[in-house]
Amino acid sequence: MVSNEIKFLIDDVLSEKKLSKNWLEENAKLQRSQLNSYANNKVKRIDLDVLARICIALNVEVGDIMKIQHKIGGR
């Protein structure tokens, strides 16, 4: 069985840019719980406004902070 899921790369981008979650939280005007949901891949429905604010704050494109992860086999 093949399943696909979206994986967020926010922590990778923050590390690459030498920025903290606190910085992103402030600059993207996010609540910490909101940011953690995205960074820890726990979000069930993507809010396009939140996604845009993250991208704008980090000066990246959507594809820089997200990828599709293909899984083959069990869960």
Protein backbone atom coordinates (compact mmCIF):
# COMPACT_ATOMS: atom_id res chain seq x y z
CA MET A 1 0.00 0.00 0.00
CA VAL A 2 1.28 3.44 -0.92
CA SER A 3 0.42 6.45 1.18
CA ASN A 4 1.58 10.01 0.79
CA GLU A 5 1.82 12.73 3.36
CA ILE A 6 3.08 16.28 3.44
CA LYS A 7 6.15 16.85 5.56
CA PHE A 8 7.06 20.33 6.72
CA LEU A 9 10.72 21.35 6.67
CA ILE A 10 10.37 24.42 8.88
CA ASP A 11 13.00 23.32 11.41
CA ASP A 12 15.47 22.64 8.58
CA VAL A 13 14.91 26.09 7.07
CA LEU A 14 15.20 27.79 10.46
CA SER A 15 18.46 25.97 11.13
CA GLU A 16 19.82 26.81 7.67
CA LYS A 17 18.98 30.49 8.16
CA LYS A 18 20.18 30.45 11.79
CA LEU A 19 16.79 31.62 13.05
CA SER A 20 14.79 30.51 16.08
CA LYS A 21 11.18 29.44 16.43
CA ASN A 22 10.70 32.50 18.63
CA TRP A 23 11.85 34.70 15.75
CA LEU A 24 9.47 32.99 13.32
CA GLU A 25 6.61 33.11 15.82
CA GLU A 26 7.00 36.88 16.15
CA ASN A 27 7.67 37.68 12.49
CA ALA A 28 4.90 35.45 11.11
CA LYS A 29 2.51 36.49 13.89
CA LEU A 30 1.81 32.91 14.95
CA GLN A 31 0.92 31.34 18.26
CA ARG A 32 3.56 28.90 19.52
CA SER A 33 1.08 26.00 19.39
CA GLN A 34 0.28 26.84 15.77
CA LEU A 35 3.94 26.96 14.79
CA ASN A 36 4.68 23.71 16.63
CA SER A 37 1.81 21.96 14.83
CA TYR A 38 3.38 22.83 11.48
CA ALA A 39 7.01 22.28 12.51
CA ASN A 40 6.20 18.89 14.10
CA ASN A 41 4.00 17.75 11.20
CA LYS A 42 0.91 17.50 13.40
CA VAL A 43 -1.32 19.85 11.41
CA LYS A 44 -4.31 18.12 9.80
CA ARG A 45 -5.56 20.98 7.61
CA ILE A 46 -3.21 23.51 6.15
CA ASP A 47 -4.27 27.12 6.66
CA LEU A 48 -3.13 29.01 3.55
CA ASP A 49 -2.86 32.28 5.47
CA VAL A 50 -0.54 30.68 8.03
CA LEU A 51 1.48 29.06 5.25
CA ALA A 52 1.83 32.41 3.47
CA ARG A 53 2.91 34.19 6.66
CA ILE A 54 5.58 31.54 7.32
CA CYS A 55 6.89 31.79 3.75
CA ILE A 56 6.92 35.59 3.79
CA ALA A 57 8.70 35.75 7.15
CA LEU A 58 11.34 33.26 6.00
CA ASN A 59 11.55 34.74 2.48
CA VAL A 60 11.04 31.31 0.89
CA GLU A 61 8.63 29.62 -1.49
CA VAL A 62 6.09 27.02 -0.35
CA GLY A 63 8.18 24.23 -1.88
CA ASP A 64 11.10 25.22 0.34
CA ILE A 65 9.20 24.38 3.54
CA MET A 66 7.08 21.43 2.38
CA LYS A 67 7.62 18.15 0.57
CA ILE A 68 5.53 15.11 -0.23
CA GLN A 69 6.79 12.02 1.52
CA HIS A 70 5.90 8.75 -0.20
CA LYS A 71 5.46 5.74 2.06
CA ILE A 72 5.21 2.18 0.79
CA GLY A 73 3.95 -0.63 2.97
CA GLY A 74 2.32 -0.53 6.37
CA ARG A 75 1.50 2.47 8.45
